[in-house]
């Protein structure tokens, strides 16, 4: 191949809004509300899990981490999307695209692994309650909460390196709302089969494997719940899992479908809609789901607004 056409673009033109020109003002308002609600809802969850000593348990330690990650990976994309909606020329620099892709994949992978850790926590709590405090001690919890950042860090670094090693000689117009691997691969004039294989393999490791672990955990949880003699006990056990299970379904249903398939099956309209679900809608809904389905979180919120939430263990 001739190298003269393999120039590195100085920027990418974001074309995700090209078919929505008449709705950009409305879209800006909707996404701004979503972003504000995401920040407020997840900040409240972080606050109560930090300040309310009733929530100083592994389950709520992980919930606070989930809210932090939701804020982080939403903030890697949504502020710039809002900026683009107010501009006639919607562009992101090459360096900015690299940074956005890297941090987006890092936070997305970390959330996937954290949801798995949360499922394991519920498995131990329901299937082995007498040894729960021994198994899920403070050291184990913090090791799990911090260790999940490492494999997702490596996953993001690998994809960022190999994606931007490709030549983008055909076009710099990105048919998406932000920089992500599948739409970037469609811009390359080189063979992207290696990238697609890597995307599939890492999606299996960071996406499918955790999802399978969650399914196995809940299979055992459901069996344990049905062995509980009292209906009140079964209801209480299930209520501690229902919010997490709801979040898992929303997250994995959209994310795995986006990354675990070849670029040839890429559909612009469908994939843009899916990206909105797990990138913007899920982080906004997660605090709502946990608030509505978790009695301890609801009680903590009441204590917070009543001015009774405090802890001497900060």
C-alpha atoms as a PDB file:
ATOM      1  CA  UNK A   1       0.000   0.000   0.000  1.00  0.00           C
ATOM      2  CA  UNK A   2       1.102   3.503  -0.653  1.00  0.00           C
ATOM      3  CA  UNK A   3       1.746   5.448   2.475  1.00  0.00           C
ATOM      4  CA  UNK A   4       0.973   8.875   1.028  1.00  0.00           C
ATOM      5  CA  UNK A   5      -2.753   8.353   1.587  1.00  0.00           C
ATOM      6  CA  UNK A   6      -2.250   7.026   5.092  1.00  0.00           C
ATOM      7  CA  UNK A   7      -2.264  10.407   6.759  1.00  0.00           C
ATOM      8  CA  UNK A   8      -3.359  10.903  10.331  1.00  0.00           C
ATOM      9  CA  UNK A   9      -6.403  13.193  10.482  1.00  0.00           C
ATOM     10  CA  UNK A  10      -6.046  16.212  12.737  1.00  0.00           C
ATOM     11  CA  UNK A  11      -9.683  15.854  13.784  1.00  0.00           C
ATOM     12  CA  UNK A  12     -12.859  13.822  13.360  1.00  0.00           C
ATOM     13  CA  UNK A  13     -16.166  15.335  12.304  1.00  0.00           C
ATOM     14  CA  UNK A  14     -19.015  14.001  14.451  1.00  0.00           C
ATOM     15  CA  UNK A  15     -21.927  13.174  12.126  1.00  0.00           C
ATOM     16  CA  UNK A  16     -24.242  11.549  14.682  1.00  0.00           C
ATOM     17  CA  UNK A  17     -26.561  14.550  14.674  1.00  0.00           C
ATOM     18  CA  UNK A  18     -26.706  15.122  10.922  1.00  0.00           C
ATOM     19  CA  UNK A  19     -30.184  13.588  10.661  1.00  0.00           C
ATOM     20  CA  UNK A  20     -31.464  15.444  13.724  1.00  0.00           C
ATOM     21  CA  UNK A  21     -30.788  19.063  12.781  1.00  0.00           C
ATOM     22  CA  UNK A  22     -34.375  20.148  13.380  1.00  0.00           C
ATOM     23  CA  UNK A  23     -34.405  18.555  16.830  1.00  0.00           C
ATOM     24  CA  UNK A  24     -31.039  19.681  18.173  1.00  0.00           C
ATOM     25  CA  UNK A  25     -32.455  22.277  20.553  1.00  0.00           C
ATOM     26  CA  UNK A  26     -34.860  19.757  22.015  1.00  0.00           C
ATOM     27  CA  UNK A  27     -32.146  17.097  22.125  1.00  0.00           C
ATOM     28  CA  UNK A  28     -29.825  19.495  23.940  1.00  0.00           C
ATOM     29  CA  UNK A  29     -32.483  20.118  26.588  1.00  0.00           C
ATOM     30  CA  UNK A  30     -33.255  16.425  27.040  1.00  0.00           C
ATOM     31  CA  UNK A  31     -29.606  15.382  27.307  1.00  0.00           C
ATOM     32  CA  UNK A  32     -28.831  18.266  29.659  1.00  0.00           C
ATOM     33  CA  UNK A  33     -31.632  17.120  31.980  1.00  0.00           C
ATOM     34  CA  UNK A  34     -30.341  13.532  31.760  1.00  0.00           C
ATOM     35  CA  UNK A  35     -26.811  14.656  32.624  1.00  0.00           C
ATOM     36  CA  UNK A  36     -27.945  16.793  35.568  1.00  0.00           C
ATOM     37  CA  UNK A  37     -30.108  13.954  36.899  1.00  0.00           C
ATOM     38  CA  UNK A  38     -27.193  11.526  36.489  1.00  0.00           C
ATOM     39  CA  UNK A  39     -24.845  13.799  38.423  1.00  0.00           C
ATOM     40  CA  UNK A  40     -27.363  14.555  41.180  1.00  0.00           C
ATOM     41  CA  UNK A  41     -28.701  11.003  41.568  1.00  0.00           C
ATOM     42  CA  UNK A  42     -25.309   9.334  41.685  1.00  0.00           C
ATOM     43  CA  UNK A  43     -23.850  12.039  43.933  1.00  0.00           C
ATOM     44  CA  UNK A  44     -26.667  11.409  46.413  1.00  0.00           C
ATOM     45  CA  UNK A  45     -25.925   7.669  46.355  1.00  0.00           C
ATOM     46  CA  UNK A  46     -22.215   8.313  46.941  1.00  0.00           C
ATOM     47  CA  UNK A  47     -23.067  10.707  49.782  1.00  0.00           C
ATOM     48  CA  UNK A  48     -25.409   8.401  51.683  1.00  0.00           C
ATOM     49  CA  UNK A  49     -23.181   5.331  51.286  1.00  0.00           C
ATOM     50  CA  UNK A  50     -20.304   7.396  52.627  1.00  0.00           C
ATOM     51  CA  UNK A  51     -22.031   9.246  55.467  1.00  0.00           C
ATOM     52  CA  UNK A  52     -24.735   6.893  56.707  1.00  0.00           C
ATOM     53  CA  UNK A  53     -23.165   4.262  58.961  1.00  0.00           C
ATOM     54  CA  UNK A  54     -26.198   2.007  58.395  1.00  0.00           C
ATOM     55  CA  UNK A  55     -24.906   1.571  54.833  1.00  0.00           C
ATOM     56  CA  UNK A  56     -21.327   0.746  55.775  1.00  0.00           C
ATOM     57  CA  UNK A  57     -21.681  -2.722  54.293  1.00  0.00           C
ATOM     58  CA  UNK A  58     -19.978  -4.333  51.275  1.00  0.00           C
ATOM     59  CA  UNK A  59     -23.126  -4.089  49.143  1.00  0.00           C
ATOM     60  CA  UNK A  60     -23.307  -0.319  49.572  1.00  0.00           C
ATOM     61  CA  UNK A  61     -19.556   0.170  49.288  1.00  0.00           C
ATOM     62  CA  UNK A  62     -19.853  -1.319  45.797  1.00  0.00           C
ATOM     63  CA  UNK A  63     -22.985   0.726  45.100  1.00  0.00           C
ATOM     64  CA  UNK A  64     -21.070   3.910  45.864  1.00  0.00           C
ATOM     65  CA  UNK A  65     -18.297   2.793  43.494  1.00  0.00           C
ATOM     66  CA  UNK A  66     -20.908   2.068  40.808  1.00  0.00           C
ATOM     67  CA  UNK A  67     -22.289   5.593  41.123  1.00  0.00           C
ATOM     68  CA  UNK A  68     -18.781   7.055  40.879  1.00  0.00           C
ATOM     69  CA  UNK A  69     -18.081   5.077  37.698  1.00  0.00           C
ATOM     70  CA  UNK A  70     -21.442   6.104  36.212  1.00  0.00           C
ATOM     71  CA  UNK A  71     -20.543   9.759  36.723  1.00  0.00           C
ATOM     72  CA  UNK A  72     -17.084   9.231  35.213  1.00  0.00           C
ATOM     73  CA  UNK A  73     -18.006   7.448  32.015  1.00  0.00           C
ATOM     74  CA  UNK A  74     -21.019   9.646  31.344  1.00  0.00           C
ATOM     75  CA  UNK A  75     -18.775  12.688  31.764  1.00  0.00           C
ATOM     76  CA  UNK A  76     -16.308  11.412  29.160  1.00  0.00           C
ATOM     77  CA  UNK A  77     -18.891  11.830  26.389  1.00  0.00           C
ATOM     78  CA  UNK A  78     -21.988  13.806  27.343  1.00  0.00           C
ATOM     79  CA  UNK A  79     -20.441  17.266  27.990  1.00  0.00           C
ATOM     80  CA  UNK A  80     -18.876  17.274  24.529  1.00  0.00           C
ATOM     81  CA  UNK A  81     -22.092  16.023  22.956  1.00  0.00           C
ATOM     82  CA  UNK A  82     -23.907  18.940  24.579  1.00  0.00           C
ATOM     83  CA  UNK A  83     -21.246  21.285  23.233  1.00  0.00           C
ATOM     84  CA  UNK A  84     -21.620  19.868  19.718  1.00  0.00           C
ATOM     85  CA  UNK A  85     -25.371  20.375  19.814  1.00  0.00           C
ATOM     86  CA  UNK A  86     -24.751  24.094  20.279  1.00  0.00           C
ATOM     87  CA  UNK A  87     -22.158  24.340  17.499  1.00  0.00           C
ATOM     88  CA  UNK A  88     -22.546  24.371  13.748  1.00  0.00           C
ATOM     89  CA  UNK A  89     -19.248  22.566  13.234  1.00  0.00           C
ATOM     90  CA  UNK A  90     -19.078  19.413  15.312  1.00  0.00           C
ATOM     91  CA  UNK A  91     -15.492  18.234  15.531  1.00  0.00           C
ATOM     92  CA  UNK A  92     -13.182  16.518  17.991  1.00  0.00           C
ATOM     93  CA  UNK A  93      -9.402  16.593  17.710  1.00  0.00           C
ATOM     94  CA  UNK A  94      -7.491  13.400  16.969  1.00  0.00           C
ATOM     95  CA  UNK A  95      -5.872  13.508  20.414  1.00  0.00           C
ATOM     96  CA  UNK A  96      -9.215  14.269  22.037  1.00  0.00           C
ATOM     97  CA  UNK A  97     -10.746  11.257  20.295  1.00  0.00           C
ATOM     98  CA  UNK A  98      -7.948   8.992  21.568  1.00  0.00           C
ATOM     99  CA  UNK A  99      -8.424  10.234  25.133  1.00  0.00           C
ATOM    100  CA  UNK A 100     -12.212   9.978  24.956  1.00  0.00           C
ATOM    101  CA  UNK A 101     -12.126   6.407  23.606  1.00  0.00           C
ATOM    102  CA  UNK A 102      -9.583   5.302  26.190  1.00  0.00           C
ATOM    103  CA  UNK A 103     -11.386   6.644  29.255  1.00  0.00           C
ATOM    104  CA  UNK A 104     -14.794   5.606  27.934  1.00  0.00           C
ATOM    105  CA  UNK A 105     -13.669   1.983  27.506  1.00  0.00           C
ATOM    106  CA  UNK A 106     -11.848   2.050  30.833  1.00  0.00           C
ATOM    107  CA  UNK A 107     -14.915   3.126  32.794  1.00  0.00           C
ATOM    108  CA  UNK A 108     -17.245   0.893  30.780  1.00  0.00           C
ATOM    109  CA  UNK A 109     -15.093  -2.188  31.429  1.00  0.00           C
ATOM    110  CA  UNK A 110     -14.736  -1.328  35.103  1.00  0.00           C
ATOM    111  CA  UNK A 111     -18.511  -1.101  35.464  1.00  0.00           C
ATOM    112  CA  UNK A 112     -18.920  -4.517  33.870  1.00  0.00           C
ATOM    113  CA  UNK A 113     -16.494  -6.071  36.365  1.00  0.00           C
ATOM    114  CA  UNK A 114     -17.995  -4.177  39.297  1.00  0.00           C
ATOM    115  CA  UNK A 115     -21.463  -5.536  38.520  1.00  0.00           C
ATOM    116  CA  UNK A 116     -19.910  -9.014  38.693  1.00  0.00           C
ATOM    117  CA  UNK A 117     -18.359  -8.264  42.080  1.00  0.00           C
ATOM    118  CA  UNK A 118     -21.753  -7.030  43.308  1.00  0.00           C
ATOM    119  CA  UNK A 119     -23.366 -10.286  42.129  1.00  0.00           C
ATOM    120  CA  UNK A 120     -20.728 -12.279  44.020  1.00  0.00           C
ATOM    121  CA  UNK A 121     -21.426 -10.218  47.137  1.00  0.00           C
ATOM    122  CA  UNK A 122     -25.155 -11.058  46.910  1.00  0.00           C
ATOM    123  CA  UNK A 123     -24.299 -14.722  46.295  1.00  0.00           C
ATOM    124  CA  UNK A 124     -22.223 -14.911  49.492  1.00  0.00           C
ATOM    125  CA  UNK A 125     -24.831 -12.967  51.500  1.00  0.00           C
ATOM    126  CA  UNK A 126     -27.717 -15.278  50.540  1.00  0.00           C
ATOM    127  CA  UNK A 127     -26.030 -18.620  49.929  1.00  0.00           C
ATOM    128  CA  UNK A 128     -23.506 -18.462  52.771  1.00  0.00           C
ATOM    129  CA  UNK A 129     -24.907 -15.937  55.269  1.00  0.00           C
ATOM    130  CA  UNK A 130     -23.169 -17.337  58.372  1.00  0.00           C
ATOM    131  CA  UNK A 131     -19.721 -16.772  56.857  1.00  0.00           C
ATOM    132  CA  UNK A 132     -20.594 -13.551  55.010  1.00  0.00           C
ATOM    133  CA  UNK A 133     -18.681 -11.177  57.299  1.00  0.00           C
ATOM    134  CA  UNK A 134     -15.637 -13.465  57.199  1.00  0.00           C
ATOM    135  CA  UNK A 135     -15.591 -13.907  53.413  1.00  0.00           C
ATOM    136  CA  UNK A 136     -16.506 -10.302  52.563  1.00  0.00           C
ATOM    137  CA  UNK A 137     -14.250  -8.622  55.095  1.00  0.00           C
ATOM    138  CA  UNK A 138     -13.007  -5.058  54.640  1.00  0.00           C
ATOM    139  CA  UNK A 139      -9.715  -6.056  53.032  1.00  0.00           C
ATOM    140  CA  UNK A 140     -11.387  -8.353  50.502  1.00  0.00           C
ATOM    141  CA  UNK A 141     -13.962  -5.686  49.620  1.00  0.00           C
ATOM    142  CA  UNK A 142     -11.376  -2.998  48.992  1.00  0.00           C
ATOM    143  CA  UNK A 143      -9.187  -5.390  46.994  1.00  0.00           C
ATOM    144  CA  UNK A 144     -12.162  -6.280  44.800  1.00  0.00           C
ATOM    145  CA  UNK A 145     -13.262  -2.652  44.449  1.00  0.00           C
ATOM    146  CA  UNK A 146      -9.793  -1.508  43.380  1.00  0.00           C
ATOM    147  CA  UNK A 147      -8.574  -4.607  41.516  1.00  0.00           C
ATOM    148  CA  UNK A 148     -11.287  -4.369  38.851  1.00  0.00           C
ATOM    149  CA  UNK A 149      -9.684  -1.191  37.482  1.00  0.00           C
ATOM    150  CA  UNK A 150      -6.557  -3.023  36.289  1.00  0.00           C
ATOM    151  CA  UNK A 151      -7.966  -5.414  33.617  1.00  0.00           C
ATOM    152  CA  UNK A 152     -10.300  -2.710  32.283  1.00  0.00           C
ATOM    153  CA  UNK A 153      -7.314  -0.322  32.148  1.00  0.00           C
ATOM    154  CA  UNK A 154      -5.386  -2.830  30.035  1.00  0.00           C
ATOM    155  CA  UNK A 155      -8.412  -3.510  27.836  1.00  0.00           C
ATOM    156  CA  UNK A 156      -8.882   0.206  27.116  1.00  0.00           C
ATOM    157  CA  UNK A 157      -5.172   0.697  26.429  1.00  0.00           C
ATOM    158  CA  UNK A 158      -5.064  -2.211  23.955  1.00  0.00           C
ATOM    159  CA  UNK A 159      -8.094  -0.978  22.010  1.00  0.00           C
ATOM    160  CA  UNK A 160      -6.954   2.638  21.963  1.00  0.00           C
ATOM    161  CA  UNK A 161      -3.498   1.638  20.716  1.00  0.00           C
ATOM    162  CA  UNK A 162      -4.600  -0.745  17.963  1.00  0.00           C
ATOM    163  CA  UNK A 163      -7.572   1.356  16.849  1.00  0.00           C
ATOM    164  CA  UNK A 164      -5.530   4.516  16.344  1.00  0.00           C
ATOM    165  CA  UNK A 165      -2.680   2.555  14.780  1.00  0.00           C
ATOM    166  CA  UNK A 166      -4.995   2.071  11.796  1.00  0.00           C
ATOM    167  CA  UNK A 167      -4.831   4.463   8.828  1.00  0.00           C
ATOM    168  CA  UNK A 168      -7.923   6.650   8.467  1.00  0.00           C
ATOM    169  CA  UNK A 169      -7.454   7.542   4.827  1.00  0.00           C
ATOM    170  CA  UNK A 170     -11.007   7.236   3.520  1.00  0.00           C
ATOM    171  CA  UNK A 171     -12.775   9.825   5.652  1.00  0.00           C
ATOM    172  CA  UNK A 172     -12.663  11.635   8.971  1.00  0.00           C
ATOM    173  CA  UNK A 173     -16.449  11.817   9.283  1.00  0.00           C
ATOM    174  CA  UNK A 174     -17.530   9.704  12.252  1.00  0.00           C
ATOM    175  CA  UNK A 175     -21.151   8.541  12.038  1.00  0.00           C
ATOM    176  CA  UNK A 176     -21.614   8.429  15.773  1.00  0.00           C
ATOM    177  CA  UNK A 177     -22.164  10.689  18.789  1.00  0.00           C
ATOM    178  CA  UNK A 178     -18.673  10.134  20.208  1.00  0.00           C
ATOM    179  CA  UNK A 179     -15.446   8.183  19.616  1.00  0.00           C
ATOM    180  CA  UNK A 180     -16.025   4.450  19.958  1.00  0.00           C
ATOM    181  CA  UNK A 181     -14.316   1.418  18.446  1.00  0.00           C
ATOM    182  CA  UNK A 182     -16.950   0.061  15.982  1.00  0.00           C
ATOM    183  CA  UNK A 183     -17.612   3.384  14.161  1.00  0.00           C
ATOM    184  CA  UNK A 184     -13.869   4.171  14.069  1.00  0.00           C
ATOM    185  CA  UNK A 185     -13.123   0.809  12.455  1.00  0.00           C
ATOM    186  CA  UNK A 186     -15.526   1.644   9.617  1.00  0.00           C
ATOM    187  CA  UNK A 187     -13.381   4.693   8.742  1.00  0.00           C
ATOM    188  CA  UNK A 188     -10.171   2.742   8.204  1.00  0.00           C
ATOM    189  CA  UNK A 189      -9.067   1.772   4.716  1.00  0.00           C
ATOM    190  CA  UNK A 190      -6.896  -1.028   6.102  1.00  0.00           C
ATOM    191  CA  UNK A 191      -7.818  -4.588   7.043  1.00  0.00           C
ATOM    192  CA  UNK A 192      -9.536  -4.393  10.458  1.00  0.00           C
ATOM    193  CA  UNK A 193     -10.006  -8.144  10.960  1.00  0.00           C
ATOM    194  CA  UNK A 194      -7.373  -8.226  13.737  1.00  0.00           C
ATOM    195  CA  UNK A 195      -9.131  -5.359  15.502  1.00  0.00           C
ATOM    196  CA  UNK A 196     -12.473  -7.119  15.174  1.00  0.00           C
ATOM    197  CA  UNK A 197     -11.027 -10.324  16.630  1.00  0.00           C
ATOM    198  CA  UNK A 198      -9.509  -8.378  19.524  1.00  0.00           C
ATOM    199  CA  UNK A 199     -12.830  -6.626  20.086  1.00  0.00           C
ATOM    200  CA  UNK A 200     -14.607  -9.972  20.187  1.00  0.00           C
ATOM    201  CA  UNK A 201     -12.018 -11.594  22.490  1.00  0.00           C
ATOM    202  CA  UNK A 202     -11.828  -8.728  24.961  1.00  0.00           C
ATOM    203  CA  UNK A 203     -15.616  -8.414  24.911  1.00  0.00           C
ATOM    204  CA  UNK A 204     -15.741 -12.076  25.907  1.00  0.00           C
ATOM    205  CA  UNK A 205     -13.277 -11.457  28.751  1.00  0.00           C
ATOM    206  CA  UNK A 206     -14.605  -8.117  30.002  1.00  0.00           C
ATOM    207  CA  UNK A 207     -18.241  -8.510  28.961  1.00  0.00           C
ATOM    208  CA  UNK A 208     -19.398 -12.097  28.451  1.00  0.00           C
ATOM    209  CA  UNK A 209     -17.335 -13.815  31.142  1.00  0.00           C
ATOM    210  CA  UNK A 210     -18.572 -11.445  33.877  1.00  0.00           C
ATOM    211  CA  UNK A 211     -22.111 -11.844  32.535  1.00  0.00           C
ATOM    212  CA  UNK A 212     -21.831 -15.644  32.751  1.00  0.00           C
ATOM    213  CA  UNK A 213     -20.481 -15.334  36.313  1.00  0.00           C
ATOM    214  CA  UNK A 214     -23.473 -13.163  37.194  1.00  0.00           C
ATOM    215  CA  UNK A 215     -25.888 -15.693  35.693  1.00  0.00           C
ATOM    216  CA  UNK A 216     -24.263 -18.529  37.677  1.00  0.00           C
ATOM    217  CA  UNK A 217     -24.408 -16.426  40.865  1.00  0.00           C
ATOM    218  CA  UNK A 218     -28.093 -15.697  40.404  1.00  0.00           C
ATOM    219  CA  UNK A 219     -28.880 -19.296  39.524  1.00  0.00           C
ATOM    220  CA  UNK A 220     -27.504 -20.301  42.923  1.00  0.00           C
ATOM    221  CA  UNK A 221     -29.145 -17.308  44.621  1.00  0.00           C
ATOM    222  CA  UNK A 222     -32.577 -18.234  43.255  1.00  0.00           C
ATOM    223  CA  UNK A 223     -32.110 -21.842  44.395  1.00  0.00           C
ATOM    224  CA  UNK A 224     -31.174 -20.613  47.870  1.00  0.00           C
ATOM    225  CA  UNK A 225     -34.150 -18.238  47.997  1.00  0.00           C
ATOM    226  CA  UNK A 226     -36.594 -21.029  47.175  1.00  0.00           C
ATOM    227  CA  UNK A 227     -35.169 -23.054  50.043  1.00  0.00           C
ATOM    228  CA  UNK A 228     -36.142 -20.316  52.518  1.00  0.00           C
ATOM    229  CA  UNK A 229     -39.220 -21.525  54.394  1.00  0.00           C
ATOM    230  CA  UNK A 230     -41.032 -18.235  55.083  1.00  0.00           C
ATOM    231  CA  UNK A 231     -42.488 -16.099  52.304  1.00  0.00           C
ATOM    232  CA  UNK A 232     -41.353 -12.967  54.139  1.00  0.00           C
ATOM    233  CA  UNK A 233     -37.783 -14.268  54.208  1.00  0.00           C
ATOM    234  CA  UNK A 234     -37.904 -15.072  50.496  1.00  0.00           C
ATOM    235  CA  UNK A 235     -39.260 -11.621  49.706  1.00  0.00           C
ATOM    236  CA  UNK A 236     -36.570  -9.906  51.783  1.00  0.00           C
ATOM    237  CA  UNK A 237     -33.806 -11.954  50.151  1.00  0.00           C
ATOM    238  CA  UNK A 238     -35.072 -11.223  46.669  1.00  0.00           C
ATOM    239  CA  UNK A 239     -35.494  -7.494  47.384  1.00  0.00           C
ATOM    240  CA  UNK A 240     -31.768  -7.209  48.129  1.00  0.00           C
ATOM    241  CA  UNK A 241     -31.007  -8.586  44.648  1.00  0.00           C
ATOM    242  CA  UNK A 242     -33.760  -7.172  42.441  1.00  0.00           C
ATOM    243  CA  UNK A 243     -32.226  -3.710  41.998  1.00  0.00           C
ATOM    244  CA  UNK A 244     -28.827  -5.111  41.030  1.00  0.00           C
ATOM    245  CA  UNK A 245     -30.409  -7.638  38.677  1.00  0.00           C
ATOM    246  CA  UNK A 246     -32.403  -4.870  36.949  1.00  0.00           C
ATOM    247  CA  UNK A 247     -29.249  -2.795  36.428  1.00  0.00           C
ATOM    248  CA  UNK A 248     -27.407  -5.839  35.055  1.00  0.00           C
ATOM    249  CA  UNK A 249     -30.111  -6.594  32.482  1.00  0.00           C
ATOM    250  CA  UNK A 250     -30.158  -3.004  31.171  1.00  0.00           C
ATOM    251  CA  UNK A 251     -26.372  -2.771  31.028  1.00  0.00           C
ATOM    252  CA  UNK A 252     -25.408  -6.083  29.427  1.00  0.00           C
ATOM    253  CA  UNK A 253     -28.316  -6.350  26.984  1.00  0.00           C
ATOM    254  CA  UNK A 254     -27.207  -3.202  25.164  1.00  0.00           C
ATOM    255  CA  UNK A 255     -23.426  -3.208  25.700  1.00  0.00           C
ATOM    256  CA  UNK A 256     -22.697  -6.809  24.674  1.00  0.00           C
ATOM    257  CA  UNK A 257     -24.839  -6.512  21.553  1.00  0.00           C
ATOM    258  CA  UNK A 258     -22.828  -3.470  20.472  1.00  0.00           C
ATOM    259  CA  UNK A 259     -19.350  -4.964  20.889  1.00  0.00           C
ATOM    260  CA  UNK A 260     -19.790  -8.720  20.366  1.00  0.00           C
ATOM    261  CA  UNK A 261     -20.395  -8.811  16.620  1.00  0.00           C
ATOM    262  CA  UNK A 262     -18.499  -8.081  13.412  1.00  0.00           C
ATOM    263  CA  UNK A 263     -18.313  -4.572  11.977  1.00  0.00           C
ATOM    264  CA  UNK A 264     -20.075  -5.834   8.840  1.00  0.00           C
ATOM    265  CA  UNK A 265     -23.313  -6.081  10.836  1.00  0.00           C
ATOM    266  CA  UNK A 266     -22.943  -2.534  12.140  1.00  0.00           C
ATOM    267  CA  UNK A 267     -26.184  -0.537  11.836  1.00  0.00           C
ATOM    268  CA  UNK A 268     -25.881   3.214  12.353  1.00  0.00           C
ATOM    269  CA  UNK A 269     -29.377   3.972  13.589  1.00  0.00           C
ATOM    270  CA  UNK A 270     -29.714   0.878  15.781  1.00  0.00           C
ATOM    271  CA  UNK A 271     -26.282   1.180  17.357  1.00  0.00           C
ATOM    272  CA  UNK A 272     -26.612   4.869  18.073  1.00  0.00           C
ATOM    273  CA  UNK A 273     -29.852   4.120  19.910  1.00  0.00           C
ATOM    274  CA  UNK A 274     -28.192   1.335  21.911  1.00  0.00           C
ATOM    275  CA  UNK A 275     -25.258   3.576  22.790  1.00  0.00           C
ATOM    276  CA  UNK A 276     -27.690   6.120  24.218  1.00  0.00           C
ATOM    277  CA  UNK A 277     -29.185   3.422  26.459  1.00  0.00           C
ATOM    278  CA  UNK A 278     -26.035   2.165  28.194  1.00  0.00           C
ATOM    279  CA  UNK A 279     -24.085   5.435  27.979  1.00  0.00           C
ATOM    280  CA  UNK A 280     -26.709   7.927  29.146  1.00  0.00           C
ATOM    281  CA  UNK A 281     -29.947   6.247  30.242  1.00  0.00           C
ATOM    282  CA  UNK A 282     -28.455   3.516  32.458  1.00  0.00           C
ATOM    283  CA  UNK A 283     -26.309   5.859  34.606  1.00  0.00           C
ATOM    284  CA  UNK A 284     -29.346   8.084  35.118  1.00  0.00           C
ATOM    285  CA  UNK A 285     -31.652   5.191  36.024  1.00  0.00           C
ATOM    286  CA  UNK A 286     -29.274   3.284  38.321  1.00  0.00           C
ATOM    287  CA  UNK A 287     -29.795   5.578  41.356  1.00  0.00           C
ATOM    288  CA  UNK A 288     -33.561   5.546  40.715  1.00  0.00           C
ATOM    289  CA  UNK A 289     -33.640   1.745  40.511  1.00  0.00           C
ATOM    290  CA  UNK A 290     -31.697   1.335  43.753  1.00  0.00           C
ATOM    291  CA  UNK A 291     -33.818   3.964  45.487  1.00  0.00           C
ATOM    292  CA  UNK A 292     -37.134   2.419  44.451  1.00  0.00           C
ATOM    293  CA  UNK A 293     -36.190  -1.225  45.028  1.00  0.00           C
ATOM    294  CA  UNK A 294     -33.975  -1.059  48.115  1.00  0.00           C
ATOM    295  CA  UNK A 295     -35.569  -0.341  51.488  1.00  0.00           C
ATOM    296  CA  UNK A 296     -32.275   0.447  53.219  1.00  0.00           C
ATOM    297  CA  UNK A 297     -31.421   3.083  50.605  1.00  0.00           C
ATOM    298  CA  UNK A 298     -34.902   4.604  50.980  1.00  0.00           C
ATOM    299  CA  UNK A 299     -34.482   4.776  54.749  1.00  0.00           C
ATOM    300  CA  UNK A 300     -31.025   6.340  54.338  1.00  0.00           C
ATOM    301  CA  UNK A 301     -32.483   8.994  52.037  1.00  0.00           C
ATOM    302  CA  UNK A 302     -35.124   9.830  54.623  1.00  0.00           C
ATOM    303  CA  UNK A 303     -32.435  10.172  57.282  1.00  0.00           C
ATOM    304  CA  UNK A 304     -30.381  12.350  54.954  1.00  0.00           C
ATOM    305  CA  UNK A 305     -33.208  14.770  54.251  1.00  0.00           C
ATOM    306  CA  UNK A 306     -34.161  14.752  57.929  1.00  0.00           C
ATOM    307  CA  UNK A 307     -30.613  15.773  58.796  1.00  0.00           C
ATOM    308  CA  UNK A 308     -29.942  12.561  60.734  1.00  0.00           C
ATOM    309  CA  UNK A 309     -27.369  11.014  58.402  1.00  0.00           C
ATOM    310  CA  UNK A 310     -23.904  11.185  59.928  1.00  0.00           C
ATOM    311  CA  UNK A 311     -21.003   8.926  60.726  1.00  0.00           C
ATOM    312  CA  UNK A 312     -18.035   9.128  62.960  1.00  0.00           C
ATOM    313  CA  UNK A 313     -16.126   6.717  60.743  1.00  0.00           C
ATOM    314  CA  UNK A 314     -15.347   9.108  57.864  1.00  0.00           C
END
